[in-house]
N, C-alpha and C. Protein backbone atom coordinates (compact mmCIF):
# COMPACT_ATOMS: atom_id res chain seq x y z
N MET A 1 -1.52 50.31 201.83
CA MET A 1 -0.49 49.54 201.15
C MET A 1 0.02 50.37 200.01
N ALA A 2 1.32 50.57 200.01
CA ALA A 2 1.93 51.42 198.95
C ALA A 2 1.94 50.69 197.63
N ARG A 3 1.80 51.59 196.53
CA ARG A 3 1.77 51.05 195.16
C ARG A 3 3.19 50.95 194.65
N TRP A 4 3.53 49.80 194.13
CA TRP A 4 4.89 49.59 193.61
C TRP A 4 4.91 49.96 192.14
N VAL A 5 5.86 50.77 191.81
CA VAL A 5 6.00 51.22 190.41
C VAL A 5 7.30 50.66 189.87
N ASN A 6 7.19 50.12 188.70
CA ASN A 6 8.40 49.56 188.07
C ASN A 6 9.32 50.71 187.67
N PRO A 7 10.55 50.72 188.16
CA PRO A 7 11.48 51.83 187.83
C PRO A 7 11.78 51.94 186.35
N LYS A 8 11.72 50.88 185.59
CA LYS A 8 11.99 50.95 184.16
C LYS A 8 10.91 51.72 183.44
N VAL A 9 9.65 51.53 183.92
CA VAL A 9 8.55 52.28 183.28
C VAL A 9 8.68 53.75 183.58
N ASN A 10 9.02 54.06 184.78
CA ASN A 10 9.21 55.47 185.15
C ASN A 10 10.34 56.11 184.34
N LEU A 11 11.40 55.38 184.10
CA LEU A 11 12.55 55.91 183.33
C LEU A 11 12.15 56.17 181.88
N LYS A 12 11.32 55.31 181.31
CA LYS A 12 10.89 55.50 179.93
C LYS A 12 10.03 56.74 179.80
N ARG A 13 9.21 57.04 180.78
CA ARG A 13 8.37 58.23 180.73
C ARG A 13 9.22 59.51 180.78
N LYS A 14 10.19 59.49 181.67
CA LYS A 14 11.07 60.66 181.76
C LYS A 14 11.85 60.86 180.47
N TYR A 15 12.29 59.77 179.88
CA TYR A 15 13.06 59.87 178.63
C TYR A 15 12.20 60.43 177.51
N LYS A 16 10.93 60.02 177.44
CA LYS A 16 10.02 60.51 176.41
C LYS A 16 9.76 61.99 176.57
N LYS A 17 9.56 62.42 177.85
CA LYS A 17 9.33 63.84 178.10
C LYS A 17 10.58 64.67 177.73
N ALA A 18 11.75 64.09 178.01
CA ALA A 18 12.99 64.82 177.67
C ALA A 18 13.15 64.97 176.17
N ILE A 19 12.73 63.91 175.43
CA ILE A 19 12.82 63.99 173.97
C ILE A 19 11.87 65.03 173.44
N GLU A 20 10.67 65.04 173.96
CA GLU A 20 9.68 66.01 173.49
C GLU A 20 10.13 67.43 173.81
N LEU A 21 10.66 67.62 175.02
CA LEU A 21 11.14 68.96 175.39
C LEU A 21 12.30 69.41 174.50
N SER A 22 13.18 68.47 174.16
CA SER A 22 14.32 68.80 173.29
C SER A 22 13.86 69.20 171.90
N LEU A 23 12.84 68.50 171.38
CA LEU A 23 12.33 68.84 170.05
C LEU A 23 11.69 70.21 170.04
N VAL A 24 10.93 70.50 171.14
CA VAL A 24 10.30 71.83 171.21
C VAL A 24 11.36 72.93 171.25
N LEU A 25 12.39 72.72 172.05
CA LEU A 25 13.46 73.72 172.14
C LEU A 25 14.20 73.88 170.81
N ALA A 26 14.42 72.77 170.10
CA ALA A 26 15.11 72.84 168.80
C ALA A 26 14.29 73.61 167.79
N LEU A 27 12.93 73.36 167.79
CA LEU A 27 12.07 74.09 166.86
C LEU A 27 12.06 75.58 167.17
N LEU A 28 11.98 75.90 168.47
CA LEU A 28 12.01 77.32 168.83
C LEU A 28 13.33 77.98 168.40
N LEU A 29 14.44 77.25 168.59
CA LEU A 29 15.75 77.81 168.21
C LEU A 29 15.86 78.02 166.71
N MET A 30 15.34 77.06 165.92
CA MET A 30 15.38 77.20 164.47
C MET A 30 14.50 78.34 164.01
N THR A 31 13.31 78.47 164.65
CA THR A 31 12.41 79.57 164.28
C THR A 31 13.05 80.92 164.56
N ALA A 32 13.68 81.02 165.73
CA ALA A 32 14.34 82.30 166.08
C ALA A 32 15.51 82.61 165.13
N THR A 33 16.22 81.55 164.73
CA THR A 33 17.36 81.76 163.81
C THR A 33 16.89 82.24 162.45
N LEU A 34 15.82 81.61 161.93
CA LEU A 34 15.29 82.03 160.62
C LEU A 34 14.76 83.45 160.67
N GLN A 35 14.08 83.78 161.77
CA GLN A 35 13.55 85.14 161.89
C GLN A 35 14.69 86.18 161.95
N ALA A 36 15.73 85.84 162.68
CA ALA A 36 16.87 86.78 162.76
C ALA A 36 17.57 86.93 161.41
N PHE A 37 17.69 85.84 160.62
CA PHE A 37 18.34 85.90 159.30
C PHE A 37 17.54 86.77 158.34
N LYS A 38 16.15 86.62 158.39
CA LYS A 38 15.31 87.45 157.53
C LYS A 38 15.44 88.92 157.89
N THR A 39 15.47 89.20 159.19
CA THR A 39 15.63 90.60 159.62
C THR A 39 16.97 91.18 159.15
N PHE A 40 18.04 90.37 159.20
CA PHE A 40 19.37 90.84 158.75
C PHE A 40 19.39 91.12 157.25
N GLN A 41 18.71 90.27 156.46
CA GLN A 41 18.65 90.49 155.01
C GLN A 41 17.90 91.77 154.68
N VAL A 42 16.80 92.02 155.40
CA VAL A 42 16.03 93.25 155.15
C VAL A 42 16.86 94.48 155.47
N GLN A 43 17.56 94.44 156.60
CA GLN A 43 18.40 95.58 156.97
C GLN A 43 19.53 95.79 155.97
N LYS A 44 20.06 94.69 155.44
CA LYS A 44 21.17 94.80 154.47
C LYS A 44 20.72 95.46 153.19
N LYS A 45 19.46 95.13 152.76
CA LYS A 45 18.93 95.77 151.56
C LYS A 45 18.68 97.25 151.78
N GLN A 46 18.26 97.59 152.98
CA GLN A 46 17.95 98.98 153.27
C GLN A 46 19.21 99.83 153.41
N GLU A 47 20.30 99.17 153.74
CA GLU A 47 21.54 99.92 154.01
C GLU A 47 22.44 99.97 152.80
N LYS A 48 21.86 100.01 151.62
CA LYS A 48 22.68 100.16 150.41
C LYS A 48 23.31 101.54 150.38
N VAL A 49 24.56 101.55 150.11
CA VAL A 49 25.30 102.82 150.07
C VAL A 49 25.24 103.39 148.67
N GLU A 50 24.81 104.58 148.57
CA GLU A 50 24.75 105.25 147.27
C GLU A 50 26.13 105.83 146.95
N ILE A 51 26.75 105.28 145.90
CA ILE A 51 28.10 105.71 145.51
C ILE A 51 27.98 106.74 144.41
N LYS A 52 28.54 107.85 144.62
CA LYS A 52 28.54 108.92 143.64
C LYS A 52 29.87 108.93 142.90
N LYS A 53 29.78 109.11 141.63
CA LYS A 53 30.98 109.16 140.79
C LYS A 53 31.58 110.56 140.86
N LEU A 54 32.81 110.60 141.28
CA LEU A 54 33.51 111.89 141.39
C LEU A 54 34.28 112.15 140.11
N GLU A 55 34.08 113.29 139.55
CA GLU A 55 34.80 113.70 138.35
C GLU A 55 35.99 114.58 138.75
N VAL A 56 37.19 114.19 138.29
CA VAL A 56 38.41 114.94 138.59
C VAL A 56 38.71 115.87 137.43
N GLU A 57 38.74 117.10 137.71
CA GLU A 57 39.01 118.11 136.67
C GLU A 57 40.52 118.28 136.52
N GLU A 58 40.99 118.12 135.28
CA GLU A 58 42.42 118.28 135.00
C GLU A 58 42.80 119.75 135.00
N ILE A 59 43.76 120.07 135.83
CA ILE A 59 44.23 121.46 135.93
C ILE A 59 45.54 121.58 135.16
N PRO A 60 45.61 122.45 134.15
CA PRO A 60 46.86 122.59 133.39
C PRO A 60 47.97 123.10 134.28
N PRO A 61 49.23 122.64 134.01
CA PRO A 61 50.36 123.10 134.83
C PRO A 61 50.58 124.60 134.70
N THR A 62 50.90 125.17 135.80
CA THR A 62 51.13 126.62 135.84
C THR A 62 52.51 126.94 135.30
N GLU A 63 52.59 127.80 134.31
CA GLU A 63 53.88 128.22 133.75
C GLU A 63 54.46 129.32 134.61
N GLN A 64 55.67 129.05 135.08
CA GLN A 64 56.35 130.04 135.90
C GLN A 64 57.14 130.99 135.02
N GLN A 65 56.82 132.20 135.07
CA GLN A 65 57.51 133.22 134.29
C GLN A 65 58.76 133.67 135.03
N ARG A 66 59.85 133.71 134.24
CA ARG A 66 61.10 134.17 134.84
C ARG A 66 61.04 135.67 135.12
N ALA A 67 61.51 135.97 136.28
CA ALA A 67 61.50 137.39 136.65
C ALA A 67 62.54 138.15 135.84
N THR A 68 62.15 139.25 135.28
CA THR A 68 63.07 140.09 134.51
C THR A 68 64.04 140.76 135.46
N PRO A 69 65.37 140.60 135.19
CA PRO A 69 66.32 141.25 136.10
C PRO A 69 66.15 142.75 136.09
N PRO A 70 66.31 143.36 137.22
CA PRO A 70 66.15 144.82 137.26
C PRO A 70 67.24 145.50 136.46
N PRO A 71 66.95 146.64 135.87
CA PRO A 71 67.97 147.37 135.10
C PRO A 71 69.11 147.81 136.01
N PRO A 72 70.34 147.84 135.44
CA PRO A 72 71.47 148.26 136.27
C PRO A 72 71.32 149.69 136.77
N ARG A 73 71.79 149.85 137.94
CA ARG A 73 71.72 151.19 138.52
C ARG A 73 72.71 152.13 137.82
N PRO A 74 72.33 153.34 137.62
CA PRO A 74 73.27 154.29 136.99
C PRO A 74 74.48 154.51 137.87
N ALA A 75 75.63 154.58 137.19
CA ALA A 75 76.88 154.80 137.93
C ALA A 75 76.92 156.20 138.49
N VAL A 76 77.28 156.27 139.72
CA VAL A 76 77.37 157.57 140.38
C VAL A 76 78.84 157.91 140.56
N PRO A 77 79.31 158.97 139.96
CA PRO A 77 80.73 159.33 140.13
C PRO A 77 81.02 159.67 141.58
N ILE A 78 82.14 159.14 142.06
CA ILE A 78 82.57 159.39 143.43
C ILE A 78 83.75 160.34 143.40
N GLU A 79 83.64 161.35 144.14
CA GLU A 79 84.70 162.35 144.17
C GLU A 79 85.93 161.79 144.87
N SER A 80 87.08 161.91 144.23
CA SER A 80 88.31 161.40 144.80
C SER A 80 88.77 162.31 145.92
N GLU A 81 89.34 161.65 146.95
CA GLU A 81 89.88 162.43 148.06
C GLU A 81 91.19 163.11 147.69
N ASP A 82 91.86 162.58 146.64
CA ASP A 82 93.12 163.16 146.22
C ASP A 82 92.82 164.34 145.31
N GLU A 83 93.08 165.55 145.78
CA GLU A 83 92.79 166.75 145.01
C GLU A 83 93.93 167.17 144.10
N ASP A 84 95.03 166.41 144.08
CA ASP A 84 96.19 166.81 143.29
C ASP A 84 96.19 166.18 141.91
N ILE A 85 95.12 165.51 141.51
CA ILE A 85 95.10 164.86 140.19
C ILE A 85 94.84 165.91 139.13
N PRO A 86 95.75 166.08 138.18
CA PRO A 86 95.52 167.09 137.12
C PRO A 86 94.40 166.64 136.21
N GLU A 87 93.58 167.62 135.77
CA GLU A 87 92.45 167.30 134.91
C GLU A 87 92.86 166.94 133.50
N ASP A 88 94.00 167.45 133.03
CA ASP A 88 94.41 167.21 131.65
C ASP A 88 95.40 166.06 131.53
N GLU A 89 95.44 165.17 132.53
CA GLU A 89 96.39 164.06 132.47
C GLU A 89 95.90 163.03 131.46
N THR A 90 96.79 162.56 130.61
CA THR A 90 96.45 161.57 129.58
C THR A 90 97.17 160.27 129.87
N ILE A 91 96.59 159.18 129.38
CA ILE A 91 97.17 157.85 129.57
C ILE A 91 98.03 157.53 128.36
N ALA A 92 99.23 157.03 128.64
CA ALA A 92 100.15 156.71 127.54
C ALA A 92 99.59 155.58 126.70
N SER A 93 99.88 155.61 125.43
CA SER A 93 99.40 154.58 124.51
C SER A 93 100.11 153.27 124.80
N THR A 94 99.34 152.18 124.74
CA THR A 94 99.90 150.86 124.99
C THR A 94 100.19 150.09 123.72
N GLU A 95 100.09 150.75 122.56
CA GLU A 95 100.37 150.07 121.30
C GLU A 95 101.86 149.76 121.19
N LEU A 96 102.18 148.59 120.71
CA LEU A 96 103.56 148.15 120.57
C LEU A 96 104.06 148.47 119.17
N ASP A 97 105.25 149.01 119.12
CA ASP A 97 105.89 149.27 117.83
C ASP A 97 106.76 148.07 117.52
N LEU A 98 106.29 147.24 116.58
CA LEU A 98 107.02 146.01 116.26
C LEU A 98 108.37 146.30 115.63
N SER A 99 108.52 147.48 115.05
CA SER A 99 109.80 147.80 114.41
C SER A 99 110.91 148.01 115.43
N GLU A 100 110.52 148.32 116.70
CA GLU A 100 111.54 148.56 117.73
C GLU A 100 111.92 147.28 118.47
N LEU A 101 111.24 146.17 118.19
CA LEU A 101 111.58 144.93 118.87
C LEU A 101 112.92 144.40 118.38
N PRO A 102 113.70 143.78 119.25
CA PRO A 102 115.00 143.23 118.81
C PRO A 102 114.79 142.08 117.84
N PRO A 103 115.71 141.87 116.94
CA PRO A 103 115.57 140.76 115.98
C PRO A 103 115.62 139.43 116.71
N PRO A 104 114.99 138.42 116.15
CA PRO A 104 115.02 137.09 116.80
C PRO A 104 116.44 136.54 116.84
N PRO A 105 116.74 135.75 117.85
CA PRO A 105 118.11 135.19 117.93
C PRO A 105 118.39 134.27 116.75
N GLU A 106 119.66 134.26 116.38
CA GLU A 106 120.06 133.43 115.26
C GLU A 106 119.90 131.95 115.61
N LYS A 107 119.52 131.18 114.61
CA LYS A 107 119.34 129.75 114.80
C LYS A 107 120.69 129.10 115.07
N PRO A 108 120.80 128.37 116.17
CA PRO A 108 122.10 127.74 116.46
C PRO A 108 122.47 126.74 115.38
N PRO A 109 123.74 126.59 115.11
CA PRO A 109 124.16 125.64 114.08
C PRO A 109 123.78 124.22 114.46
N GLU A 110 123.39 123.47 113.46
CA GLU A 110 122.99 122.09 113.70
C GLU A 110 124.18 121.27 114.19
N GLU A 111 123.91 120.53 115.26
CA GLU A 111 124.96 119.70 115.82
C GLU A 111 125.20 118.49 114.93
N GLU A 112 126.44 118.23 114.66
CA GLU A 112 126.78 117.10 113.82
C GLU A 112 126.71 115.81 114.62
N GLU A 113 126.65 114.74 113.92
CA GLU A 113 126.56 113.44 114.54
C GLU A 113 127.77 113.20 115.44
N ASP A 114 127.46 112.82 116.69
CA ASP A 114 128.54 112.57 117.65
C ASP A 114 129.14 111.20 117.35
N VAL A 115 130.24 111.22 116.64
CA VAL A 115 130.92 109.99 116.26
C VAL A 115 132.24 109.93 117.01
N THR A 116 132.41 108.90 117.79
CA THR A 116 133.66 108.73 118.53
C THR A 116 134.77 108.31 117.57
N PRO A 117 135.88 109.06 117.54
CA PRO A 117 136.97 108.70 116.63
C PRO A 117 137.53 107.31 116.94
N ILE A 118 137.64 106.50 115.93
CA ILE A 118 138.21 105.16 116.04
C ILE A 118 139.39 105.07 115.07
N PHE A 119 140.51 104.64 115.59
CA PHE A 119 141.70 104.53 114.74
C PHE A 119 141.55 103.36 113.78
N VAL A 120 141.77 103.67 112.51
CA VAL A 120 141.76 102.65 111.46
C VAL A 120 143.08 102.76 110.70
N ALA A 121 143.78 101.67 110.60
CA ALA A 121 145.06 101.69 109.88
C ALA A 121 144.81 101.89 108.39
N TYR A 122 145.66 102.68 107.76
CA TYR A 122 145.53 102.93 106.32
C TYR A 122 146.92 103.08 105.72
N ASP A 123 146.99 102.84 104.42
CA ASP A 123 148.26 102.98 103.70
C ASP A 123 148.47 104.41 103.23
N SER A 124 147.41 105.08 102.76
CA SER A 124 147.51 106.47 102.33
C SER A 124 146.36 107.25 102.95
N PRO A 125 146.64 108.45 103.52
CA PRO A 125 145.60 109.23 104.21
C PRO A 125 144.65 109.89 103.21
N PRO A 126 143.48 110.32 103.67
CA PRO A 126 142.60 111.07 102.79
C PRO A 126 143.16 112.47 102.56
N GLU A 127 142.86 113.03 101.39
CA GLU A 127 143.33 114.38 101.10
C GLU A 127 142.37 115.05 100.12
N PRO A 128 142.33 116.39 100.14
CA PRO A 128 141.44 117.10 99.23
C PRO A 128 141.90 116.93 97.78
N ILE A 129 140.92 116.81 96.88
CA ILE A 129 141.26 116.77 95.46
C ILE A 129 141.73 118.17 95.06
N GLY A 130 142.95 118.25 94.56
CA GLY A 130 143.56 119.55 94.25
C GLY A 130 144.53 120.01 95.30
N GLY A 131 144.71 119.21 96.38
CA GLY A 131 145.67 119.56 97.42
C GLY A 131 145.03 120.37 98.54
N PHE A 132 145.79 120.55 99.61
CA PHE A 132 145.29 121.30 100.77
C PHE A 132 145.14 122.78 100.46
N GLU A 133 145.80 123.25 99.38
CA GLU A 133 145.62 124.64 98.99
C GLU A 133 144.17 124.92 98.58
N GLU A 134 143.46 123.85 98.17
CA GLU A 134 142.06 124.01 97.77
C GLU A 134 141.20 124.44 98.96
N ILE A 135 141.56 123.97 100.15
CA ILE A 135 140.82 124.39 101.35
C ILE A 135 141.04 125.87 101.62
N GLN A 136 142.28 126.33 101.48
CA GLN A 136 142.58 127.74 101.72
C GLN A 136 141.89 128.63 100.70
N ARG A 137 141.73 128.13 99.46
CA ARG A 137 141.06 128.95 98.45
C ARG A 137 139.56 129.09 98.76
N HIS A 138 138.97 128.08 99.40
CA HIS A 138 137.55 128.14 99.76
C HIS A 138 137.31 128.80 101.13
N LEU A 139 138.39 129.17 101.82
CA LEU A 139 138.26 129.75 103.15
C LEU A 139 137.79 131.20 103.06
N LYS A 140 136.75 131.54 103.83
CA LYS A 140 136.24 132.91 103.90
C LYS A 140 136.58 133.47 105.27
N TYR A 141 137.41 134.52 105.26
CA TYR A 141 137.87 135.12 106.51
C TYR A 141 136.69 135.82 107.20
N PRO A 142 136.37 135.48 108.44
CA PRO A 142 135.27 136.15 109.13
C PRO A 142 135.56 137.64 109.31
N GLU A 143 134.54 138.48 109.10
CA GLU A 143 134.72 139.93 109.19
C GLU A 143 135.09 140.35 110.61
N ILE A 144 134.52 139.69 111.59
CA ILE A 144 134.84 140.04 112.99
C ILE A 144 136.31 139.76 113.27
N ALA A 145 136.78 138.58 112.84
CA ALA A 145 138.19 138.25 113.05
C ALA A 145 139.10 139.17 112.26
N ARG A 146 138.66 139.57 111.06
CA ARG A 146 139.48 140.48 110.25
C ARG A 146 139.62 141.83 110.94
N LYS A 147 138.50 142.39 111.44
CA LYS A 147 138.56 143.69 112.11
C LYS A 147 139.35 143.62 113.41
N ALA A 148 139.29 142.45 114.07
CA ALA A 148 140.03 142.31 115.33
C ALA A 148 141.48 141.92 115.11
N GLY A 149 141.85 141.67 113.84
CA GLY A 149 143.23 141.30 113.54
C GLY A 149 143.59 139.92 114.04
N VAL A 150 142.64 139.00 114.04
CA VAL A 150 142.89 137.65 114.54
C VAL A 150 143.59 136.83 113.46
N GLU A 151 144.70 136.20 113.83
CA GLU A 151 145.41 135.29 112.95
C GLU A 151 145.74 134.03 113.74
N GLY A 152 145.97 132.94 113.03
CA GLY A 152 146.33 131.71 113.71
C GLY A 152 145.90 130.50 112.91
N ARG A 153 145.76 129.39 113.62
CA ARG A 153 145.49 128.12 112.96
C ARG A 153 144.40 127.38 113.73
N VAL A 154 143.43 126.88 112.99
CA VAL A 154 142.37 126.05 113.55
C VAL A 154 142.61 124.62 113.08
N ILE A 155 142.65 123.69 114.04
CA ILE A 155 142.84 122.28 113.68
C ILE A 155 141.50 121.57 113.82
N VAL A 156 141.09 120.93 112.73
CA VAL A 156 139.79 120.27 112.68
C VAL A 156 140.01 118.77 112.49
N HIS A 157 139.34 117.98 113.33
CA HIS A 157 139.35 116.53 113.18
C HIS A 157 138.22 116.18 112.21
N VAL A 158 138.57 115.55 111.08
CA VAL A 158 137.63 115.32 110.00
C VAL A 158 137.47 113.82 109.78
N LEU A 159 136.20 113.37 109.63
CA LEU A 159 135.91 111.98 109.30
C LEU A 159 135.50 111.91 107.84
N VAL A 160 136.34 111.26 107.02
CA VAL A 160 136.09 111.12 105.59
C VAL A 160 135.69 109.67 105.32
N ASP A 161 134.53 109.47 104.66
CA ASP A 161 134.07 108.10 104.43
C ASP A 161 134.69 107.50 103.18
N GLU A 162 134.22 106.30 102.81
CA GLU A 162 134.80 105.57 101.68
C GLU A 162 134.54 106.25 100.34
N HIS A 163 133.57 107.17 100.29
CA HIS A 163 133.24 107.85 99.04
C HIS A 163 133.83 109.25 98.95
N GLY A 164 134.65 109.62 99.92
CA GLY A 164 135.28 110.93 99.90
C GLY A 164 134.39 112.04 100.42
N ASN A 165 133.39 111.72 101.23
CA ASN A 165 132.50 112.73 101.82
C ASN A 165 132.89 112.99 103.27
N VAL A 166 132.84 114.26 103.68
CA VAL A 166 133.08 114.62 105.07
C VAL A 166 131.77 114.40 105.83
N VAL A 167 131.76 113.44 106.73
CA VAL A 167 130.53 113.08 107.44
C VAL A 167 130.52 113.58 108.88
N ALA A 168 131.66 114.02 109.42
CA ALA A 168 131.70 114.52 110.79
C ALA A 168 132.95 115.35 110.98
N THR A 169 132.85 116.34 111.91
CA THR A 169 134.01 117.19 112.22
C THR A 169 134.03 117.48 113.71
N LYS A 170 135.22 117.70 114.24
CA LYS A 170 135.41 118.10 115.63
C LYS A 170 136.55 119.12 115.67
N ILE A 171 136.38 120.18 116.47
CA ILE A 171 137.42 121.20 116.60
C ILE A 171 138.42 120.72 117.66
N LEU A 172 139.67 120.54 117.23
CA LEU A 172 140.73 120.16 118.16
C LEU A 172 141.43 121.38 118.73
N LYS A 173 141.57 122.44 117.92
CA LYS A 173 142.19 123.69 118.37
C LYS A 173 141.37 124.84 117.82
N SER A 174 140.93 125.73 118.71
CA SER A 174 140.04 126.82 118.32
C SER A 174 140.75 128.16 118.41
N LEU A 175 140.24 129.14 117.62
CA LEU A 175 140.73 130.51 117.69
C LEU A 175 139.78 131.41 118.47
N GLY A 176 138.82 130.83 119.17
CA GLY A 176 137.90 131.64 119.96
C GLY A 176 136.57 131.85 119.27
N ASN A 177 135.75 132.65 119.92
CA ASN A 177 134.39 132.90 119.43
C ASN A 177 134.39 134.10 118.49
N ASN A 178 134.99 133.89 117.33
CA ASN A 178 135.07 134.98 116.35
C ASN A 178 134.69 134.51 114.95
N GLY A 179 134.19 133.29 114.83
CA GLY A 179 133.76 132.78 113.54
C GLY A 179 134.80 131.99 112.78
N CYS A 180 136.04 131.92 113.28
CA CYS A 180 137.09 131.21 112.55
C CYS A 180 136.85 129.70 112.53
N ASP A 181 136.36 129.15 113.65
CA ASP A 181 136.12 127.71 113.70
C ASP A 181 135.07 127.31 112.67
N GLU A 182 133.98 128.07 112.60
CA GLU A 182 132.92 127.76 111.64
C GLU A 182 133.40 127.92 110.21
N ALA A 183 134.22 128.94 109.96
CA ALA A 183 134.73 129.16 108.60
C ALA A 183 135.65 128.03 108.17
N ALA A 184 136.47 127.50 109.11
CA ALA A 184 137.37 126.40 108.78
C ALA A 184 136.58 125.14 108.42
N VAL A 185 135.53 124.84 109.20
CA VAL A 185 134.71 123.65 108.91
C VAL A 185 134.00 123.81 107.57
N ALA A 186 133.49 125.01 107.27
CA ALA A 186 132.80 125.23 106.00
C ALA A 186 133.74 125.05 104.82
N ALA A 187 135.00 125.52 104.94
CA ALA A 187 135.96 125.36 103.85
C ALA A 187 136.31 123.89 103.63
N ILE A 188 136.43 123.13 104.72
CA ILE A 188 136.77 121.70 104.60
C ILE A 188 135.63 120.95 103.91
N LYS A 189 134.39 121.29 104.24
CA LYS A 189 133.25 120.59 103.65
C LYS A 189 132.97 121.01 102.21
N SER A 190 133.52 122.14 101.79
CA SER A 190 133.22 122.63 100.44
C SER A 190 134.07 121.98 99.35
N VAL A 191 135.07 121.19 99.73
CA VAL A 191 135.92 120.55 98.73
C VAL A 191 135.64 119.05 98.70
N LYS A 192 135.95 118.42 97.59
CA LYS A 192 135.81 116.98 97.44
C LYS A 192 137.08 116.29 97.89
N TRP A 193 136.95 115.15 98.54
CA TRP A 193 138.09 114.46 99.11
C TRP A 193 138.30 113.11 98.44
N LYS A 194 139.58 112.70 98.46
CA LYS A 194 139.92 111.33 98.10
C LYS A 194 139.98 110.51 99.38
N PRO A 195 139.31 109.37 99.45
CA PRO A 195 139.29 108.59 100.68
C PRO A 195 140.64 107.96 100.98
N ALA A 196 140.80 107.57 102.23
CA ALA A 196 142.02 106.83 102.61
C ALA A 196 141.96 105.44 102.00
N MET A 197 143.14 104.88 101.74
CA MET A 197 143.24 103.57 101.10
C MET A 197 143.93 102.60 102.05
N GLN A 198 143.42 101.41 102.07
CA GLN A 198 144.02 100.32 102.86
C GLN A 198 144.04 99.08 101.99
N ARG A 199 145.27 98.74 101.50
CA ARG A 199 145.43 97.59 100.60
C ARG A 199 144.50 97.70 99.39
N ASP A 200 144.59 98.83 98.74
CA ASP A 200 143.82 99.11 97.53
C ASP A 200 142.30 99.11 97.78
N ARG A 201 141.92 99.39 99.01
CA ARG A 201 140.49 99.43 99.35
C ARG A 201 140.21 100.71 100.12
N PRO A 202 139.20 101.54 99.70
CA PRO A 202 138.89 102.77 100.43
C PRO A 202 138.29 102.46 101.80
N VAL A 203 138.72 103.24 102.80
CA VAL A 203 138.22 103.06 104.17
C VAL A 203 137.84 104.42 104.75
N LYS A 204 136.97 104.37 105.75
CA LYS A 204 136.55 105.60 106.44
C LYS A 204 137.45 105.83 107.65
N VAL A 205 138.11 106.99 107.67
CA VAL A 205 139.07 107.27 108.75
C VAL A 205 138.94 108.72 109.19
N TRP A 206 139.48 108.97 110.40
CA TRP A 206 139.61 110.33 110.92
C TRP A 206 140.99 110.86 110.56
N VAL A 207 141.04 112.17 110.31
CA VAL A 207 142.31 112.82 110.00
C VAL A 207 142.25 114.25 110.51
N ALA A 208 143.38 114.75 111.06
CA ALA A 208 143.46 116.12 111.57
C ALA A 208 143.91 117.05 110.46
N ILE A 209 143.13 118.11 110.19
CA ILE A 209 143.42 119.05 109.10
C ILE A 209 143.63 120.43 109.70
N PRO A 210 144.79 121.06 109.46
CA PRO A 210 144.99 122.44 109.91
C PRO A 210 144.47 123.43 108.86
N VAL A 211 143.83 124.49 109.35
CA VAL A 211 143.35 125.58 108.48
C VAL A 211 143.98 126.86 109.01
N ILE A 212 144.71 127.56 108.13
CA ILE A 212 145.49 128.72 108.55
C ILE A 212 144.72 130.01 108.23
N PHE A 213 144.67 130.91 109.22
CA PHE A 213 144.08 132.24 109.04
C PHE A 213 145.21 133.27 109.14
N LYS A 214 145.43 133.98 108.04
CA LYS A 214 146.50 134.98 108.00
C LYS A 214 146.03 136.17 107.18
N LEU A 215 146.13 137.35 107.77
CA LEU A 215 145.71 138.56 107.07
C LEU A 215 146.77 138.96 106.06
N LYS A 216 146.28 139.44 104.91
CA LYS A 216 147.21 139.87 103.86
C LYS A 216 147.47 141.36 103.99
């Protein structure tokens, strides 16, 4: 007759054995882990690296000396292929003789103010104090015109202001480039003038003045 075993009792026995086996395995695993950790710590202490302090020696910078340029090579005379050069040939002096230079050009006469003639009515024209003969007395005959025998008449347009001053001149008729035009203007400016009058009031007007050049 077979023995009947309660399955619950059998299950409890197996469970107890499994628990005991698990505890044994856990203890073995913990023991192995602790032993391995101790071995690692011992090896770590033994593997200390000895660090040596390195001293860096300071090296002063190297001074670069400039190379002295080589002395110039001596000049070697080269014989000319032209054999016709005279040995006693001299070079002309390049000094300038300032006394032989031409005189500087004469300063051009100053241009007078360009005043456009405007007609102004007047009762009495301007005239030189002492008469027009005063202009002829101040006239200086140019030497060039005298030697060339130039005679004639220069007509000058003259602007006389309210104070009797000649403020502008224009040549209406010229005797050429012989100095007569300039002499006529200089004679006109050298005399004092009476201004033109308009209703008892001096006015500035233009007037044409003839200057006669005649050799005596």
